[in-house]
Amino acid sequence: MKMVLDPSANAEMRDAAFFYEGCRDGLGQEFLDAVELAFGEISQRPMIWRILKGRFRRYLIHHFPYAVIYSIEDDTIYVVAIMHMKRKPDYWQDRVRDK
């Protein structure tokens, strides 16, 4: 299955990595590695992660307070957000593509 990131999700990922890198050298890369691990696990078993709302699922990123919010659309995993878990929980919903 191919994975497509919403441009806003991609920006969230970059912003978080930049923030963590500013906290400690190498921590930004650790965050990106954890996100890559998440993408790999989601790609291998997209249906096992918790349903968050409607067709959207949530994968909690290991060792960081972030989650990958995604849906499965035909043969594509659509990542709508790389969400900080302390933010307003539904902020990403305006990004949802209608089918």
PDB file of N, CA and C in Angstrom:
ATOM      1  N   MET A   1       0.838  -1.179   0.000  1.00  0.00           N
ATOM      2  CA  MET A   1       0.000   0.000   0.000  1.00  0.00           C
ATOM      3  C   MET A   1       0.881   1.240   0.000  1.00  0.00           C
ATOM      4  N   LYS A   2       0.528   2.206  -0.821  1.00  0.00           N
ATOM      5  CA  LYS A   2       1.308   3.449  -0.804  1.00  0.00           C
ATOM      6  C   LYS A   2       0.762   4.365   0.280  1.00  0.00           C
ATOM      7  N   MET A   3       1.620   5.262   0.746  1.00  0.00           N
ATOM      8  CA  MET A   3       1.254   6.192   1.803  1.00  0.00           C
ATOM      9  C   MET A   3       1.354   7.610   1.257  1.00  0.00           C
ATOM     10  N   VAL A   4       0.304   8.399   1.506  1.00  0.00           N
ATOM     11  CA  VAL A   4       0.256   9.792   1.068  1.00  0.00           C
ATOM     12  C   VAL A   4       0.051  10.659   2.302  1.00  0.00           C
ATOM     13  N   LEU A   5       0.903  11.673   2.451  1.00  0.00           N
ATOM     14  CA  LEU A   5       0.778  12.602   3.574  1.00  0.00           C
ATOM     15  C   LEU A   5       0.095  13.875   3.121  1.00  0.00           C
ATOM     16  N   ASP A   6      -0.882  14.308   3.891  1.00  0.00           N
ATOM     17  CA  ASP A   6      -1.461  15.627   3.685  1.00  0.00           C
ATOM     18  C   ASP A   6      -0.321  16.647   3.863  1.00  0.00           C
ATOM     19  N   PRO A   7      -0.278  17.698   3.067  1.00  0.00           N
ATOM     20  CA  PRO A   7       0.795  18.692   3.227  1.00  0.00           C
ATOM     21  C   PRO A   7       0.883  19.247   4.650  1.00  0.00           C
ATOM     22  N   SER A   8      -0.241  19.391   5.315  1.00  0.00           N
ATOM     23  CA  SER A   8      -0.219  19.887   6.696  1.00  0.00           C
ATOM     24  C   SER A   8       0.397  18.866   7.640  1.00  0.00           C
ATOM     25  N   ALA A   9       0.155  17.582   7.403  1.00  0.00           N
ATOM     26  CA  ALA A   9       0.769  16.531   8.223  1.00  0.00           C
ATOM     27  C   ALA A   9       2.281  16.537   8.028  1.00  0.00           C
ATOM     28  N   ASN A  10       2.705  16.721   6.794  1.00  0.00           N
ATOM     29  CA  ASN A  10       4.138  16.791   6.504  1.00  0.00           C
ATOM     30  C   ASN A  10       4.768  17.984   7.226  1.00  0.00           C
ATOM     31  N   ALA A  11       4.087  19.115   7.223  1.00  0.00           N
ATOM     32  CA  ALA A  11       4.587  20.307   7.920  1.00  0.00           C
ATOM     33  C   ALA A  11       4.644  20.069   9.426  1.00  0.00           C
ATOM     34  N   GLU A  12       3.638  19.389   9.972  1.00  0.00           N
ATOM     35  CA  GLU A  12       3.648  19.077  11.410  1.00  0.00           C
ATOM     36  C   GLU A  12       4.841  18.208  11.773  1.00  0.00           C
ATOM     37  N   MET A  13       5.123  17.237  10.928  1.00  0.00           N
ATOM     38  CA  MET A  13       6.253  16.342  11.167  1.00  0.00           C
ATOM     39  C   MET A  13       7.569  17.123  11.159  1.00  0.00           C
ATOM     40  N   ARG A  14       7.749  17.980  10.166  1.00  0.00           N
ATOM     41  CA  ARG A  14       8.980  18.787  10.083  1.00  0.00           C
ATOM     42  C   ARG A  14       9.099  19.742  11.272  1.00  0.00           C
ATOM     43  N   ASP A  15       7.991  20.398  11.626  1.00  0.00           N
ATOM     44  CA  ASP A  15       8.010  21.346  12.746  1.00  0.00           C
ATOM     45  C   ASP A  15       8.367  20.652  14.055  1.00  0.00           C
ATOM     46  N   ALA A  16       7.794  19.475  14.284  1.00  0.00           N
ATOM     47  CA  ALA A  16       8.092  18.733  15.508  1.00  0.00           C
ATOM     48  C   ALA A  16       9.557  18.304  15.536  1.00  0.00           C
ATOM     49  N   ALA A  17      10.074  17.833  14.409  1.00  0.00           N
ATOM     50  CA  ALA A  17      11.478  17.424  14.347  1.00  0.00           C
ATOM     51  C   ALA A  17      12.393  18.620  14.624  1.00  0.00           C
ATOM     52  N   PHE A  18      12.055  19.763  14.066  1.00  0.00           N
ATOM     53  CA  PHE A  18      12.843  20.981  14.286  1.00  0.00           C
ATOM     54  C   PHE A  18      12.813  21.365  15.763  1.00  0.00           C
ATOM     55  N   PHE A  19      11.628  21.307  16.378  1.00  0.00           N
ATOM     56  CA  PHE A  19      11.500  21.621  17.805  1.00  0.00           C
ATOM     57  C   PHE A  19      12.366  20.685  18.642  1.00  0.00           C
ATOM     58  N   TYR A  20      12.258  19.385  18.400  1.00  0.00           N
ATOM     59  CA  TYR A  20      13.023  18.414  19.185  1.00  0.00           C
ATOM     60  C   TYR A  20      14.525  18.565  18.973  1.00  0.00           C
ATOM     61  N   GLU A  21      14.918  18.896  17.769  1.00  0.00           N
ATOM     62  CA  GLU A  21      16.350  19.094  17.501  1.00  0.00           C
ATOM     63  C   GLU A  21      16.876  20.281  18.300  1.00  0.00           C
ATOM     64  N   GLY A  22      16.018  21.304  18.484  1.00  0.00           N
ATOM     65  CA  GLY A  22      16.398  22.450  19.291  1.00  0.00           C
ATOM     66  C   GLY A  22      16.507  22.124  20.773  1.00  0.00           C
ATOM     67  N   CYS A  23      15.825  21.079  21.199  1.00  0.00           N
ATOM     68  CA  CYS A  23      15.891  20.653  22.598  1.00  0.00           C
ATOM     69  C   CYS A  23      17.176  19.894  22.895  1.00  0.00           C
ATOM     70  N   ARG A  24      17.571  19.044  21.943  1.00  0.00           N
ATOM     71  CA  ARG A  24      18.782  18.244  22.119  1.00  0.00           C
ATOM     72  C   ARG A  24      19.265  17.775  20.753  1.00  0.00           C
ATOM     73  N   ASP A  25      20.551  17.901  20.512  1.00  0.00           N
ATOM     74  CA  ASP A  25      21.110  17.437  19.233  1.00  0.00           C
ATOM     75  C   ASP A  25      20.768  15.965  19.022  1.00  0.00           C
ATOM     76  N   GLY A  26      20.228  15.675  17.852  1.00  0.00           N
ATOM     77  CA  GLY A  26      19.881  14.301  17.505  1.00  0.00           C
ATOM     78  C   GLY A  26      18.468  13.893  17.855  1.00  0.00           C
ATOM     79  N   LEU A  27      17.801  14.648  18.722  1.00  0.00           N
ATOM     80  CA  LEU A  27      16.448  14.278  19.127  1.00  0.00           C
ATOM     81  C   LEU A  27      15.456  14.450  17.982  1.00  0.00           C
ATOM     82  N   GLY A  28      15.686  15.432  17.126  1.00  0.00           N
ATOM     83  CA  GLY A  28      14.826  15.613  15.960  1.00  0.00           C
ATOM     84  C   GLY A  28      14.885  14.407  15.044  1.00  0.00           C
ATOM     85  N   GLN A  29      16.084  13.875  14.842  1.00  0.00           N
ATOM     86  CA  GLN A  29      16.231  12.682  14.022  1.00  0.00           C
ATOM     87  C   GLN A  29      15.603  11.470  14.698  1.00  0.00           C
ATOM     88  N   GLU A  30      15.690  11.392  16.016  1.00  0.00           N
ATOM     89  CA  GLU A  30      15.027  10.299  16.745  1.00  0.00           C
ATOM     90  C   GLU A  30      13.518  10.361  16.523  1.00  0.00           C
ATOM     91  N   PHE A  31      12.974  11.576  16.530  1.00  0.00           N
ATOM     92  CA  PHE A  31      11.543  11.731  16.260  1.00  0.00           C
ATOM     93  C   PHE A  31      11.205  11.251  14.848  1.00  0.00           C
ATOM     94  N   LEU A  32      11.987  11.681  13.865  1.00  0.00           N
ATOM     95  CA  LEU A  32      11.741  11.266  12.478  1.00  0.00           C
ATOM     96  C   LEU A  32      11.879   9.749  12.318  1.00  0.00           C
ATOM     97  N   ASP A  33      12.829   9.156  13.019  1.00  0.00           N
ATOM     98  CA  ASP A  33      12.982   7.699  12.978  1.00  0.00           C
ATOM     99  C   ASP A  33      11.753   7.006  13.552  1.00  0.00           C
ATOM    100  N   ALA A  34      11.212   7.562  14.643  1.00  0.00           N
ATOM    101  CA  ALA A  34      10.010   6.993  15.255  1.00  0.00           C
ATOM    102  C   ALA A  34       8.808   7.122  14.322  1.00  0.00           C
ATOM    103  N   VAL A  35       8.724   8.229  13.607  1.00  0.00           N
ATOM    104  CA  VAL A  35       7.639   8.412  12.637  1.00  0.00           C
ATOM    105  C   VAL A  35       7.795   7.410  11.491  1.00  0.00           C
ATOM    106  N   GLU A  36       9.012   7.221  11.010  1.00  0.00           N
ATOM    107  CA  GLU A  36       9.256   6.243   9.943  1.00  0.00           C
ATOM    108  C   GLU A  36       8.885   4.828  10.393  1.00  0.00           C
ATOM    109  N   LEU A  37       9.213   4.494  11.635  1.00  0.00           N
ATOM    110  CA  LEU A  37       8.816   3.202  12.189  1.00  0.00           C
ATOM    111  C   LEU A  37       7.290   3.085  12.195  1.00  0.00           C
ATOM    112  N   ALA A  38       6.622   4.161  12.610  1.00  0.00           N
ATOM    113  CA  ALA A  38       5.153   4.180  12.616  1.00  0.00           C
ATOM    114  C   ALA A  38       4.607   3.943  11.215  1.00  0.00           C
ATOM    115  N   PHE A  39       5.154   4.635  10.226  1.00  0.00           N
ATOM    116  CA  PHE A  39       4.701   4.464   8.846  1.00  0.00           C
ATOM    117  C   PHE A  39       4.877   3.011   8.393  1.00  0.00           C
ATOM    118  N   GLY A  40       5.997   2.416   8.748  1.00  0.00           N
ATOM    119  CA  GLY A  40       6.241   1.034   8.367  1.00  0.00           C
ATOM    120  C   GLY A  40       5.247   0.076   9.004  1.00  0.00           C
ATOM    121  N   GLU A  41       4.983   0.270  10.288  1.00  0.00           N
ATOM    122  CA  GLU A  41       4.035  -0.604  10.988  1.00  0.00           C
ATOM    123  C   GLU A  41       2.616  -0.408  10.460  1.00  0.00           C
ATOM    124  N   ILE A  42       2.256   0.829  10.181  1.00  0.00           N
ATOM    125  CA  ILE A  42       0.925   1.100   9.624  1.00  0.00           C
ATOM    126  C   ILE A  42       0.796   0.446   8.253  1.00  0.00           C
ATOM    127  N   SER A  43       1.840   0.569   7.428  1.00  0.00           N
ATOM    128  CA  SER A  43       1.801  -0.019   6.088  1.00  0.00           C
ATOM    129  C   SER A  43       1.657  -1.532   6.130  1.00  0.00           C
ATOM    130  N   GLN A  44       2.305  -2.170   7.094  1.00  0.00           N
ATOM    131  CA  GLN A  44       2.249  -3.629   7.199  1.00  0.00           C
ATOM    132  C   GLN A  44       0.896  -4.133   7.692  1.00  0.00           C
ATOM    133  N   ARG A  45       0.305  -3.406   8.648  1.00  0.00           N
ATOM    134  CA  ARG A  45      -0.953  -3.854   9.256  1.00  0.00           C
ATOM    135  C   ARG A  45      -1.887  -2.653   9.478  1.00  0.00           C
ATOM    136  N   PRO A  46      -2.388  -2.059   8.417  1.00  0.00           N
ATOM    137  CA  PRO A  46      -3.148  -0.809   8.571  1.00  0.00           C
ATOM    138  C   PRO A  46      -4.462  -0.949   9.337  1.00  0.00           C
ATOM    139  N   MET A  47      -5.033  -2.133   9.383  1.00  0.00           N
ATOM    140  CA  MET A  47      -6.356  -2.297   9.989  1.00  0.00           C
ATOM    141  C   MET A  47      -6.318  -2.545  11.496  1.00  0.00           C
ATOM    142  N   ILE A  48      -5.163  -2.757  12.101  1.00  0.00           N
ATOM    143  CA  ILE A  48      -5.157  -3.150  13.510  1.00  0.00           C
ATOM    144  C   ILE A  48      -5.127  -1.978  14.488  1.00  0.00           C
ATOM    145  N   TRP A  49      -4.825  -0.793  14.021  1.00  0.00           N
ATOM    146  CA  TRP A  49      -4.712   0.334  14.955  1.00  0.00           C
ATOM    147  C   TRP A  49      -6.090   0.893  15.276  1.00  0.00           C
ATOM    148  N   ARG A  50      -6.187   1.496  16.420  1.00  0.00           N
ATOM    149  CA  ARG A  50      -7.452   1.969  16.995  1.00  0.00           C
ATOM    150  C   ARG A  50      -8.204   2.909  16.050  1.00  0.00           C
ATOM    151  N   ILE A  51      -9.514   2.674  15.929  1.00  0.00           N
ATOM    152  CA  ILE A  51     -10.369   3.609  15.191  1.00  0.00           C
ATOM    153  C   ILE A  51     -10.568   4.834  16.065  1.00  0.00           C
ATOM    154  N   LEU A  52     -10.296   5.984  15.499  1.00  0.00           N
ATOM    155  CA  LEU A  52     -10.403   7.239  16.232  1.00  0.00           C
ATOM    156  C   LEU A  52     -11.763   7.875  16.012  1.00  0.00           C
ATOM    157  N   LYS A  53     -12.120   8.046  14.745  1.00  0.00           N
ATOM    158  CA  LYS A  53     -13.385   8.682  14.402  1.00  0.00           C
ATOM    159  C   LYS A  53     -13.722   8.334  12.963  1.00  0.00           C
ATOM    160  N   GLY A  54     -14.907   7.782  12.753  1.00  0.00           N
ATOM    161  CA  GLY A  54     -15.312   7.437  11.400  1.00  0.00           C
ATOM    162  C   GLY A  54     -14.339   6.464  10.765  1.00  0.00           C
ATOM    163  N   ARG A  55     -13.776   6.850   9.634  1.00  0.00           N
ATOM    164  CA  ARG A  55     -12.838   5.979   8.919  1.00  0.00           C
ATOM    165  C   ARG A  55     -11.386   6.219   9.331  1.00  0.00           C
ATOM    166  N   PHE A  56     -11.150   7.076  10.288  1.00  0.00           N
ATOM    167  CA  PHE A  56      -9.793   7.443  10.688  1.00  0.00           C
ATOM    168  C   PHE A  56      -9.303   6.616  11.864  1.00  0.00           C
ATOM    169  N   ARG A  57      -8.035   6.258  11.779  1.00  0.00           N
ATOM    170  CA  ARG A  57      -7.375   5.457  12.796  1.00  0.00           C
ATOM    171  C   ARG A  57      -6.215   6.236  13.398  1.00  0.00           C
ATOM    172  N   ARG A  58      -5.771   5.768  14.578  1.00  0.00           N
ATOM    173  CA  ARG A  58      -4.689   6.460  15.289  1.00  0.00           C
ATOM    174  C   ARG A  58      -3.600   5.471  15.670  1.00  0.00           C
ATOM    175  N   TYR A  59      -2.383   5.837  15.343  1.00  0.00           N
ATOM    176  CA  TYR A  59      -1.205   5.083  15.753  1.00  0.00           C
ATOM    177  C   TYR A  59      -0.394   5.988  16.673  1.00  0.00           C
ATOM    178  N   LEU A  60      -0.130   5.538  17.901  1.00  0.00           N
ATOM    179  CA  LEU A  60       0.668   6.323  18.847  1.00  0.00           C
ATOM    180  C   LEU A  60       2.149   6.119  18.545  1.00  0.00           C
ATOM    181  N   ILE A  61       2.864   7.213  18.377  1.00  0.00           N
ATOM    182  CA  ILE A  61       4.290   7.166  18.067  1.00  0.00           C
ATOM    183  C   ILE A  61       5.060   6.858  19.350  1.00  0.00           C
ATOM    184  N   HIS A  62       5.932   5.878  19.272  1.00  0.00           N
ATOM    185  CA  HIS A  62       6.706   5.442  20.437  1.00  0.00           C
ATOM    186  C   HIS A  62       7.628   6.549  20.947  1.00  0.00           C
ATOM    187  N   HIS A  63       7.619   6.762  22.274  1.00  0.00           N
ATOM    188  CA  HIS A  63       8.535   7.664  22.983  1.00  0.00           C
ATOM    189  C   HIS A  63       8.299   9.158  22.742  1.00  0.00           C
ATOM    190  N   PHE A  64       7.252   9.517  22.030  1.00  0.00           N
ATOM    191  CA  PHE A  64       6.931  10.925  21.785  1.00  0.00           C
ATOM    192  C   PHE A  64       5.423  11.115  21.950  1.00  0.00           C
ATOM    193  N   PRO A  65       4.979  12.308  22.370  1.00  0.00           N
ATOM    194  CA  PRO A  65       3.541  12.533  22.577  1.00  0.00           C
ATOM    195  C   PRO A  65       2.806  12.880  21.278  1.00  0.00           C
ATOM    196  N   TYR A  66       3.016  12.080  20.248  1.00  0.00           N
ATOM    197  CA  TYR A  66       2.427  12.307  18.930  1.00  0.00           C
ATOM    198  C   TYR A  66       1.720  11.052  18.452  1.00  0.00           C
ATOM    199  N   ALA A  67       0.784  11.261  17.532  1.00  0.00           N
ATOM    200  CA  ALA A  67       0.081  10.147  16.893  1.00  0.00           C
ATOM    201  C   ALA A  67      -0.024  10.418  15.403  1.00  0.00           C
ATOM    202  N   VAL A  68      -0.058   9.335  14.641  1.00  0.00           N
ATOM    203  CA  VAL A  68      -0.325   9.417  13.206  1.00  0.00           C
ATOM    204  C   VAL A  68      -1.815   9.155  13.034  1.00  0.00           C
ATOM    205  N   ILE A  69      -2.517  10.100  12.425  1.00  0.00           N
ATOM    206  CA  ILE A  69      -3.943   9.954  12.141  1.00  0.00           C
ATOM    207  C   ILE A  69      -4.067   9.660  10.651  1.00  0.00           C
ATOM    208  N   TYR A  70      -4.721   8.548  10.319  1.00  0.00           N
ATOM    209  CA  TYR A  70      -4.765   8.116   8.927  1.00  0.00           C
ATOM    210  C   TYR A  70      -6.068   7.409   8.594  1.00  0.00           C
ATOM    211  N   SER A  71      -6.313   7.294   7.304  1.00  0.00           N
ATOM    212  CA  SER A  71      -7.424   6.488   6.814  1.00  0.00           C
ATOM    213  C   SER A  71      -6.910   5.618   5.675  1.00  0.00           C
ATOM    214  N   ILE A  72      -7.655   4.584   5.387  1.00  0.00           N
ATOM    215  CA  ILE A  72      -7.322   3.688   4.290  1.00  0.00           C
ATOM    216  C   ILE A  72      -8.322   3.973   3.177  1.00  0.00           C
ATOM    217  N   GLU A  73      -7.799   4.388   2.035  1.00  0.00           N
ATOM    218  CA  GLU A  73      -8.635   4.751   0.903  1.00  0.00           C
ATOM    219  C   GLU A  73      -8.201   3.922  -0.301  1.00  0.00           C
ATOM    220  N   ASP A  74      -8.976   2.895  -0.613  1.00  0.00           N
ATOM    221  CA  ASP A  74      -8.637   1.949  -1.678  1.00  0.00           C
ATOM    222  C   ASP A  74      -7.280   1.312  -1.368  1.00  0.00           C
ATOM    223  N   ASP A  75      -6.265   1.568  -2.199  1.00  0.00           N
ATOM    224  CA  ASP A  75      -4.941   0.984  -1.972  1.00  0.00           C
ATOM    225  C   ASP A  75      -3.952   2.013  -1.424  1.00  0.00           C
ATOM    226  N   THR A  76      -4.478   3.059  -0.767  1.00  0.00           N
ATOM    227  CA  THR A  76      -3.653   4.153  -0.260  1.00  0.00           C
ATOM    228  C   THR A  76      -3.939   4.390   1.218  1.00  0.00           C
ATOM    229  N   ILE A  77      -2.870   4.623   1.965  1.00  0.00           N
ATOM    230  CA  ILE A  77      -2.996   5.078   3.351  1.00  0.00           C
ATOM    231  C   ILE A  77      -2.816   6.589   3.306  1.00  0.00           C
ATOM    232  N   TYR A  78      -3.853   7.314   3.709  1.00  0.00           N
ATOM    233  CA  TYR A  78      -3.842   8.774   3.671  1.00  0.00           C
ATOM    234  C   TYR A  78      -3.593   9.287   5.085  1.00  0.00           C
ATOM    235  N   VAL A  79      -2.428   9.895   5.325  1.00  0.00           N
ATOM    236  CA  VAL A  79      -2.079  10.448   6.631  1.00  0.00           C
ATOM    237  C   VAL A  79      -2.569  11.883   6.676  1.00  0.00           C
ATOM    238  N   VAL A  80      -3.546  12.119   7.525  1.00  0.00           N
ATOM    239  CA  VAL A  80      -4.148  13.444   7.607  1.00  0.00           C
ATOM    240  C   VAL A  80      -3.440  14.329   8.635  1.00  0.00           C
ATOM    241  N   ALA A  81      -2.785  13.717   9.655  1.00  0.00           N
ATOM    242  CA  ALA A  81      -2.128  14.526  10.684  1.00  0.00           C
ATOM    243  C   ALA A  81      -1.039  13.730  11.385  1.00  0.00           C
ATOM    244  N   ILE A  82      -0.011  14.445  11.800  1.00  0.00           N
ATOM    245  CA  ILE A  82       0.966  13.974  12.778  1.00  0.00           C
ATOM    246  C   ILE A  82       0.674  14.845  13.995  1.00  0.00           C
ATOM    247  N   MET A  83      -0.201  14.353  14.845  1.00  0.00           N
ATOM    248  CA  MET A  83      -0.868  15.167  15.864  1.00  0.00           C
ATOM    249  C   MET A  83      -0.183  15.074  17.221  1.00  0.00           C
ATOM    250  N   HIS A  84       0.089  16.229  17.817  1.00  0.00           N
ATOM    251  CA  HIS A  84       0.543  16.272  19.206  1.00  0.00           C
ATOM    252  C   HIS A  84      -0.654  15.918  20.068  1.00  0.00           C
ATOM    253  N   MET A  85      -0.478  15.024  21.005  1.00  0.00           N
ATOM    254  CA  MET A  85      -1.596  14.496  21.784  1.00  0.00           C
ATOM    255  C   MET A  85      -2.184  15.489  22.789  1.00  0.00           C
ATOM    256  N   LYS A  86      -1.528  16.612  23.006  1.00  0.00           N
ATOM    257  CA  LYS A  86      -2.053  17.618  23.942  1.00  0.00           C
ATOM    258  C   LYS A  86      -2.824  18.729  23.234  1.00  0.00           C
ATOM    259  N   ARG A  87      -2.900  18.666  21.906  1.00  0.00           N
ATOM    260  CA  ARG A  87      -3.646  19.686  21.155  1.00  0.00           C
ATOM    261  C   ARG A  87      -5.132  19.376  21.171  1.00  0.00           C
ATOM    262  N   LYS A  88      -5.892  20.348  20.696  1.00  0.00           N
ATOM    263  CA  LYS A  88      -7.323  20.140  20.506  1.00  0.00           C
ATOM    264  C   LYS A  88      -7.501  18.906  19.626  1.00  0.00           C
ATOM    265  N   PRO A  89      -8.216  17.899  20.088  1.00  0.00           N
ATOM    266  CA  PRO A  89      -8.203  16.600  19.418  1.00  0.00           C
ATOM    267  C   PRO A  89      -8.770  16.559  17.998  1.00  0.00           C
ATOM    268  N   ASP A  90      -9.682  17.416  17.637  1.00  0.00           N
ATOM    269  CA  ASP A  90     -10.324  17.328  16.329  1.00  0.00           C
ATOM    270  C   ASP A  90      -9.859  18.383  15.333  1.00  0.00           C
ATOM    271  N   TYR A  91      -8.747  19.051  15.607  1.00  0.00           N
ATOM    272  CA  TYR A  91      -8.319  20.162  14.752  1.00  0.00           C
ATOM    273  C   TYR A  91      -8.060  19.737  13.303  1.00  0.00           C
ATOM    274  N   TRP A  92      -7.705  18.495  13.093  1.00  0.00           N
ATOM    275  CA  TRP A  92      -7.318  17.986  11.773  1.00  0.00           C
ATOM    276  C   TRP A  92      -8.508  17.696  10.868  1.00  0.00           C
ATOM    277  N   GLN A  93      -9.712  17.709  11.396  1.00  0.00           N
ATOM    278  CA  GLN A  93     -10.857  17.259  10.616  1.00  0.00           C
ATOM    279  C   GLN A  93     -11.194  18.133   9.415  1.00  0.00           C
ATOM    280  N   ASP A  94     -10.768  19.386   9.416  1.00  0.00           N
ATOM    281  CA  ASP A  94     -11.031  20.226   8.243  1.00  0.00           C
ATOM    282  C   ASP A  94     -10.143  19.845   7.055  1.00  0.00           C
ATOM    283  N   ARG A  95      -9.170  18.949   7.258  1.00  0.00           N
ATOM    284  CA  ARG A  95      -8.305  18.487   6.174  1.00  0.00           C
ATOM    285  C   ARG A  95      -8.866  17.286   5.431  1.00  0.00           C
ATOM    286  N   VAL A  96      -9.918  16.717   5.949  1.00  0.00           N
ATOM    287  CA  VAL A  96     -10.444  15.460   5.424  1.00  0.00           C
ATOM    288  C   VAL A  96     -10.986  15.636   4.018  1.00  0.00           C
ATOM    289  N   ARG A  97     -10.537  14.735   3.146  1.00  0.00           N
ATOM    290  CA  ARG A  97     -11.034  14.735   1.765  1.00  0.00           C
ATOM    291  C   ARG A  97     -12.356  13.988   1.724  1.00  0.00           C
ATOM    292  N   ASP A  98     -13.308  14.535   1.021  1.00  0.00           N
ATOM    293  CA  ASP A  98     -14.586  13.850   0.828  1.00  0.00           C
ATOM    294  C   ASP A  98     -14.469  12.913  -0.358  1.00  0.00           C
ATOM    295  N   LYS A  99     -15.093  11.778  -0.232  1.00  0.00           N
ATOM    296  CA  LYS A  99     -15.098  10.795  -1.328  1.00  0.00           C
ATOM    297  C   LYS A  99     -16.406  10.844  -2.034  1.00  0.00           C
TER     298      LYS A  99
END
